[in-house]
């Protein structure tokens, strides 16, 4: 069972990292296409990523024990 949890956490970490990377690529692309800083999207991107990470930690703590 501990090995399964390790793989679960590893998989979740890779997915969260991938989501963050895709958000950053999208933000850079939109800024390049608009040729200006789209700060509203940047703020939303950061809020979404923080919420994603916090939810993952909450989910991990919920099943701890």
PDB file of N, CA and C in Angstrom:
ATOM      1  N   UNK A   1       0.798  -1.205   0.000  1.00  0.00           N
ATOM      2  CA  UNK A   1       0.000   0.000   0.000  1.00  0.00           C
ATOM      3  C   UNK A   1       0.849   1.282   0.000  1.00  0.00           C
ATOM      4  N   UNK A   2       1.948   1.365   0.765  1.00  0.00           N
ATOM      5  CA  UNK A   2       2.770   2.583   0.733  1.00  0.00           C
ATOM      6  C   UNK A   2       3.361   2.865  -0.658  1.00  0.00           C
ATOM      7  N   UNK A   3       3.696   1.815  -1.398  1.00  0.00           N
ATOM      8  CA  UNK A   3       4.237   2.012  -2.743  1.00  0.00           C
ATOM      9  C   UNK A   3       3.176   2.603  -3.660  1.00  0.00           C
ATOM     10  N   UNK A   4       1.944   2.173  -3.481  1.00  0.00           N
ATOM     11  CA  UNK A   4       0.851   2.709  -4.283  1.00  0.00           C
ATOM     12  C   UNK A   4       0.648   4.201  -3.977  1.00  0.00           C
ATOM     13  N   UNK A   5       0.749   4.581  -2.713  1.00  0.00           N
ATOM     14  CA  UNK A   5       0.628   5.994  -2.345  1.00  0.00           C
ATOM     15  C   UNK A   5       1.760   6.817  -2.939  1.00  0.00           C
ATOM     16  N   UNK A   6       2.968   6.252  -2.924  1.00  0.00           N
ATOM     17  CA  UNK A   6       4.111   6.956  -3.512  1.00  0.00           C
ATOM     18  C   UNK A   6       3.867   7.236  -4.991  1.00  0.00           C
ATOM     19  N   UNK A   7       3.382   6.241  -5.718  1.00  0.00           N
ATOM     20  CA  UNK A   7       3.092   6.439  -7.134  1.00  0.00           C
ATOM     21  C   UNK A   7       1.946   7.431  -7.331  1.00  0.00           C
ATOM     22  N   UNK A   8       0.979   7.400  -6.435  1.00  0.00           N
ATOM     23  CA  UNK A   8      -0.132   8.342  -6.515  1.00  0.00           C
ATOM     24  C   UNK A   8       0.359   9.776  -6.339  1.00  0.00           C
ATOM     25  N   UNK A   9       1.196  10.020  -5.330  1.00  0.00           N
ATOM     26  CA  UNK A   9       1.729  11.358  -5.102  1.00  0.00           C
ATOM     27  C   UNK A   9       2.642  11.793  -6.242  1.00  0.00           C
ATOM     28  N   UNK A  10       3.429  10.874  -6.759  1.00  0.00           N
ATOM     29  CA  UNK A  10       4.305  11.182  -7.878  1.00  0.00           C
ATOM     30  C   UNK A  10       3.487  11.554  -9.116  1.00  0.00           C
ATOM     31  N   UNK A  11       2.446  10.795  -9.378  1.00  0.00           N
ATOM     32  CA  UNK A  11       1.577  11.082 -10.519  1.00  0.00           C
ATOM     33  C   UNK A  11       0.895  12.439 -10.359  1.00  0.00           C
ATOM     34  N   UNK A  12       0.410  12.725  -9.171  1.00  0.00           N
ATOM     35  CA  UNK A  12      -0.239  14.008  -8.916  1.00  0.00           C
ATOM     36  C   UNK A  12       0.742  15.156  -9.093  1.00  0.00           C
ATOM     37  N   UNK A  13       1.952  14.988  -8.617  1.00  0.00           N
ATOM     38  CA  UNK A  13       2.972  16.021  -8.784  1.00  0.00           C
ATOM     39  C   UNK A  13       3.294  16.291 -10.245  1.00  0.00           C
ATOM     40  N   UNK A  14       3.396  15.237 -11.035  1.00  0.00           N
ATOM     41  CA  UNK A  14       3.677  15.402 -12.461  1.00  0.00           C
ATOM     42  C   UNK A  14       2.515  16.110 -13.158  1.00  0.00           C
ATOM     43  N   UNK A  15       1.288  15.747 -12.801  1.00  0.00           N
ATOM     44  CA  UNK A  15       0.113  16.383 -13.414  1.00  0.00           C
ATOM     45  C   UNK A  15       0.036  17.858 -13.034  1.00  0.00           C
ATOM     46  N   UNK A  16       0.271  18.181 -11.770  1.00  0.00           N
ATOM     47  CA  UNK A  16       0.225  19.578 -11.342  1.00  0.00           C
ATOM     48  C   UNK A  16       1.336  20.381 -12.006  1.00  0.00           C
ATOM     49  N   UNK A  17       2.521  19.821 -12.105  1.00  0.00           N
ATOM     50  CA  UNK A  17       3.608  20.499 -12.802  1.00  0.00           C
ATOM     51  C   UNK A  17       3.244  20.725 -14.267  1.00  0.00           C
ATOM     52  N   UNK A  18       2.649  19.717 -14.902  1.00  0.00           N
ATOM     53  CA  UNK A  18       2.238  19.851 -16.300  1.00  0.00           C
ATOM     54  C   UNK A  18       1.176  20.918 -16.483  1.00  0.00           C
ATOM     55  N   UNK A  19       0.224  20.995 -15.558  1.00  0.00           N
ATOM     56  CA  UNK A  19      -0.810  22.043 -15.629  1.00  0.00           C
ATOM     57  C   UNK A  19      -0.174  23.425 -15.504  1.00  0.00           C
ATOM     58  N   UNK A  20       0.745  23.572 -14.580  1.00  0.00           N
ATOM     59  CA  UNK A  20       1.433  24.852 -14.417  1.00  0.00           C
ATOM     60  C   UNK A  20       2.224  25.235 -15.653  1.00  0.00           C
ATOM     61  N   UNK A  21       2.880  24.256 -16.248  1.00  0.00           N
ATOM     62  CA  UNK A  21       3.647  24.515 -17.460  1.00  0.00           C
ATOM     63  C   UNK A  21       2.737  24.919 -18.620  1.00  0.00           C
ATOM     64  N   UNK A  22       1.612  24.237 -18.763  1.00  0.00           N
ATOM     65  CA  UNK A  22       0.664  24.599 -19.822  1.00  0.00           C
ATOM     66  C   UNK A  22       0.053  25.985 -19.588  1.00  0.00           C
ATOM     67  N   UNK A  23      -0.238  26.321 -18.346  1.00  0.00           N
ATOM     68  CA  UNK A  23      -0.736  27.655 -18.040  1.00  0.00           C
ATOM     69  C   UNK A  23       0.297  28.716 -18.414  1.00  0.00           C
ATOM     70  N   UNK A  24       1.544  28.469 -18.090  1.00  0.00           N
ATOM     71  CA  UNK A  24       2.610  29.429 -18.409  1.00  0.00           C
ATOM     72  C   UNK A  24       2.809  29.567 -19.912  1.00  0.00           C
ATOM     73  N   UNK A  25       2.773  28.453 -20.626  1.00  0.00           N
ATOM     74  CA  UNK A  25       2.910  28.503 -22.086  1.00  0.00           C
ATOM     75  C   UNK A  25       1.755  29.296 -22.699  1.00  0.00           C
ATOM     76  N   UNK A  26       0.545  29.062 -22.205  1.00  0.00           N
ATOM     77  CA  UNK A  26      -0.611  29.811 -22.704  1.00  0.00           C
ATOM     78  C   UNK A  26      -0.491  31.290 -22.407  1.00  0.00           C
ATOM     79  N   UNK A  27      -0.037  31.637 -21.225  1.00  0.00           N
ATOM     80  CA  UNK A  27       0.122  33.038 -20.845  1.00  0.00           C
ATOM     81  C   UNK A  27       1.163  33.732 -21.717  1.00  0.00           C
ATOM     82  N   UNK A  28       2.279  33.080 -21.926  1.00  0.00           N
ATOM     83  CA  UNK A  28       3.337  33.656 -22.770  1.00  0.00           C
ATOM     84  C   UNK A  28       2.845  33.810 -24.207  1.00  0.00           C
ATOM     85  N   UNK A  29       2.120  32.818 -24.698  1.00  0.00           N
ATOM     86  CA  UNK A  29       1.610  32.878 -26.066  1.00  0.00           C
ATOM     87  C   UNK A  29       0.611  34.015 -26.241  1.00  0.00           C
ATOM     88  N   UNK A  30      -0.318  34.156 -25.296  1.00  0.00           N
ATOM     89  CA  UNK A  30      -1.300  35.251 -25.386  1.00  0.00           C
ATOM     90  C   UNK A  30      -0.610  36.604 -25.318  1.00  0.00           C
ATOM     91  N   UNK A  31       0.368  36.744 -24.439  1.00  0.00           N
ATOM     92  CA  UNK A  31       1.106  38.007 -24.360  1.00  0.00           C
ATOM     93  C   UNK A  31       1.861  38.288 -25.645  1.00  0.00           C
ATOM     94  N   UNK A  32       2.409  37.262 -26.271  1.00  0.00           N
ATOM     95  CA  UNK A  32       3.136  37.464 -27.526  1.00  0.00           C
ATOM     96  C   UNK A  32       2.178  37.855 -28.653  1.00  0.00           C
ATOM     97  N   UNK A  33       0.999  37.237 -28.688  1.00  0.00           N
ATOM     98  CA  UNK A  33       0.026  37.565 -29.730  1.00  0.00           C
ATOM     99  C   UNK A  33      -0.554  38.963 -29.541  1.00  0.00           C
ATOM    100  N   UNK A  34      -0.805  39.355 -28.313  1.00  0.00           N
ATOM    101  CA  UNK A  34      -1.341  40.689 -28.045  1.00  0.00           C
ATOM    102  C   UNK A  34      -0.265  41.763 -28.061  1.00  0.00           C
ATOM    103  N   UNK A  35       0.973  41.367 -27.973  1.00  0.00           N
ATOM    104  CA  UNK A  35       2.138  42.254 -27.907  1.00  0.00           C
ATOM    105  C   UNK A  35       2.030  43.241 -26.738  1.00  0.00           C
ATOM    106  N   UNK A  36       1.441  42.772 -25.665  1.00  0.00           N
ATOM    107  CA  UNK A  36       1.378  43.541 -24.421  1.00  0.00           C
ATOM    108  C   UNK A  36       1.138  42.565 -23.277  1.00  0.00           C
ATOM    109  N   UNK A  37       1.274  43.073 -22.057  1.00  0.00           N
ATOM    110  CA  UNK A  37       1.085  42.210 -20.882  1.00  0.00           C
ATOM    111  C   UNK A  37      -0.399  42.124 -20.544  1.00  0.00           C
ATOM    112  N   UNK A  38      -0.921  40.933 -20.534  1.00  0.00           N
ATOM    113  CA  UNK A  38      -2.317  40.683 -20.180  1.00  0.00           C
ATOM    114  C   UNK A  38      -2.325  40.267 -18.717  1.00  0.00           C
ATOM    115  N   UNK A  39      -2.254  41.253 -17.823  1.00  0.00           N
ATOM    116  CA  UNK A  39      -2.059  40.969 -16.401  1.00  0.00           C
ATOM    117  C   UNK A  39      -3.260  40.283 -15.762  1.00  0.00           C
ATOM    118  N   UNK A  40      -4.466  40.564 -16.243  1.00  0.00           N
ATOM    119  CA  UNK A  40      -5.643  39.919 -15.678  1.00  0.00           C
ATOM    120  C   UNK A  40      -5.547  38.406 -15.832  1.00  0.00           C
ATOM    121  N   UNK A  41      -5.102  37.949 -16.994  1.00  0.00           N
ATOM    122  CA  UNK A  41      -4.945  36.516 -17.216  1.00  0.00           C
ATOM    123  C   UNK A  41      -3.836  35.961 -16.322  1.00  0.00           C
ATOM    124  N   UNK A  42      -2.791  36.724 -16.117  1.00  0.00           N
ATOM    125  CA  UNK A  42      -1.712  36.290 -15.241  1.00  0.00           C
ATOM    126  C   UNK A  42      -2.178  36.085 -13.812  1.00  0.00           C
ATOM    127  N   UNK A  43      -3.000  37.000 -13.325  1.00  0.00           N
ATOM    128  CA  UNK A  43      -3.536  36.884 -11.969  1.00  0.00           C
ATOM    129  C   UNK A  43      -4.453  35.666 -11.871  1.00  0.00           C
ATOM    130  N   UNK A  44      -5.322  35.483 -12.853  1.00  0.00           N
ATOM    131  CA  UNK A  44      -6.200  34.314 -12.854  1.00  0.00           C
ATOM    132  C   UNK A  44      -5.415  33.013 -12.924  1.00  0.00           C
ATOM    133  N   UNK A  45      -4.343  33.018 -13.706  1.00  0.00           N
ATOM    134  CA  UNK A  45      -3.503  31.835 -13.833  1.00  0.00           C
ATOM    135  C   UNK A  45      -2.866  31.476 -12.484  1.00  0.00           C
ATOM    136  N   UNK A  46      -2.354  32.472 -11.793  1.00  0.00           N
ATOM    137  CA  UNK A  46      -1.724  32.234 -10.499  1.00  0.00           C
ATOM    138  C   UNK A  46      -2.756  31.746  -9.478  1.00  0.00           C
ATOM    139  N   UNK A  47      -3.928  32.368  -9.460  1.00  0.00           N
ATOM    140  CA  UNK A  47      -4.979  31.935  -8.531  1.00  0.00           C
ATOM    141  C   UNK A  47      -5.413  30.498  -8.799  1.00  0.00           C
ATOM    142  N   UNK A  48      -5.549  30.141 -10.056  1.00  0.00           N
ATOM    143  CA  UNK A  48      -5.942  28.779 -10.409  1.00  0.00           C
ATOM    144  C   UNK A  48      -4.876  27.779  -9.974  1.00  0.00           C
ATOM    145  N   UNK A  49      -3.617  28.095 -10.215  1.00  0.00           N
ATOM    146  CA  UNK A  49      -2.546  27.172  -9.865  1.00  0.00           C
ATOM    147  C   UNK A  49      -2.425  27.011  -8.345  1.00  0.00           C
ATOM    148  N   UNK A  50      -2.559  28.110  -7.616  1.00  0.00           N
ATOM    149  CA  UNK A  50      -2.503  28.044  -6.156  1.00  0.00           C
ATOM    150  C   UNK A  50      -3.659  27.200  -5.627  1.00  0.00           C
ATOM    151  N   UNK A  51      -4.852  27.404  -6.192  1.00  0.00           N
ATOM    152  CA  UNK A  51      -6.004  26.610  -5.771  1.00  0.00           C
ATOM    153  C   UNK A  51      -5.789  25.133  -6.070  1.00  0.00           C
ATOM    154  N   UNK A  52      -5.186  24.825  -7.194  1.00  0.00           N
ATOM    155  CA  UNK A  52      -4.911  23.437  -7.561  1.00  0.00           C
ATOM    156  C   UNK A  52      -3.943  22.794  -6.573  1.00  0.00           C
ATOM    157  N   UNK A  53      -2.896  23.500  -6.221  1.00  0.00           N
ATOM    158  CA  UNK A  53      -1.905  22.970  -5.276  1.00  0.00           C
ATOM    159  C   UNK A  53      -2.507  22.832  -3.880  1.00  0.00           C
ATOM    160  N   UNK A  54      -3.252  23.845  -3.432  1.00  0.00           N
ATOM    161  CA  UNK A  54      -3.880  23.761  -2.114  1.00  0.00           C
ATOM    162  C   UNK A  54      -4.881  22.618  -2.032  1.00  0.00           C
ATOM    163  N   UNK A  55      -5.647  22.413  -3.091  1.00  0.00           N
ATOM    164  CA  UNK A  55      -6.589  21.298  -3.096  1.00  0.00           C
ATOM    165  C   UNK A  55      -5.849  19.966  -3.004  1.00  0.00           C
ATOM    166  N   UNK A  56      -4.719  19.862  -3.676  1.00  0.00           N
ATOM    167  CA  UNK A  56      -3.959  18.618  -3.621  1.00  0.00           C
ATOM    168  C   UNK A  56      -3.441  18.361  -2.204  1.00  0.00           C
ATOM    169  N   UNK A  57      -2.932  19.400  -1.545  1.00  0.00           N
ATOM    170  CA  UNK A  57      -2.468  19.218  -0.171  1.00  0.00           C
ATOM    171  C   UNK A  57      -3.622  18.870   0.768  1.00  0.00           C
ATOM    172  N   UNK A  58      -4.771  19.500   0.574  1.00  0.00           N
ATOM    173  CA  UNK A  58      -5.933  19.186   1.391  1.00  0.00           C
ATOM    174  C   UNK A  58      -6.352  17.722   1.176  1.00  0.00           C
ATOM    175  N   UNK A  59      -6.348  17.292  -0.075  1.00  0.00           N
ATOM    176  CA  UNK A  59      -6.718  15.914  -0.386  1.00  0.00           C
ATOM    177  C   UNK A  59      -5.722  14.937   0.223  1.00  0.00           C
ATOM    178  N   UNK A  60      -4.445  15.282   0.203  1.00  0.00           N
ATOM    179  CA  UNK A  60      -3.425  14.414   0.781  1.00  0.00           C
ATOM    180  C   UNK A  60      -3.603  14.314   2.304  1.00  0.00           C
ATOM    181  N   UNK A  61      -3.878  15.428   2.964  1.00  0.00           N
ATOM    182  CA  UNK A  61      -4.053  15.423   4.409  1.00  0.00           C
ATOM    183  C   UNK A  61      -5.341  14.712   4.825  1.00  0.00           C
ATOM    184  N   UNK A  62      -6.335  14.743   3.973  1.00  0.00           N
ATOM    185  CA  UNK A  62      -7.618  14.112   4.280  1.00  0.00           C
ATOM    186  C   UNK A  62      -7.457  12.596   4.414  1.00  0.00           C
ATOM    187  N   UNK A  63      -6.586  12.002   3.592  1.00  0.00           N
ATOM    188  CA  UNK A  63      -6.395  10.545   3.620  1.00  0.00           C
ATOM    189  C   UNK A  63      -5.189  10.136   4.461  1.00  0.00           C
ATOM    190  N   UNK A  64      -4.580  11.080   5.155  1.00  0.00           N
ATOM    191  CA  UNK A  64      -3.436  10.763   6.002  1.00  0.00           C
ATOM    192  C   UNK A  64      -3.920  10.000   7.236  1.00  0.00           C
ATOM    193  N   UNK A  65      -3.191   8.967   7.568  1.00  0.00           N
ATOM    194  CA  UNK A  65      -3.526   8.282   8.816  1.00  0.00           C
ATOM    195  C   UNK A  65      -3.815   6.837   8.709  1.00  0.00           C
TER     196      UNK A  65
END
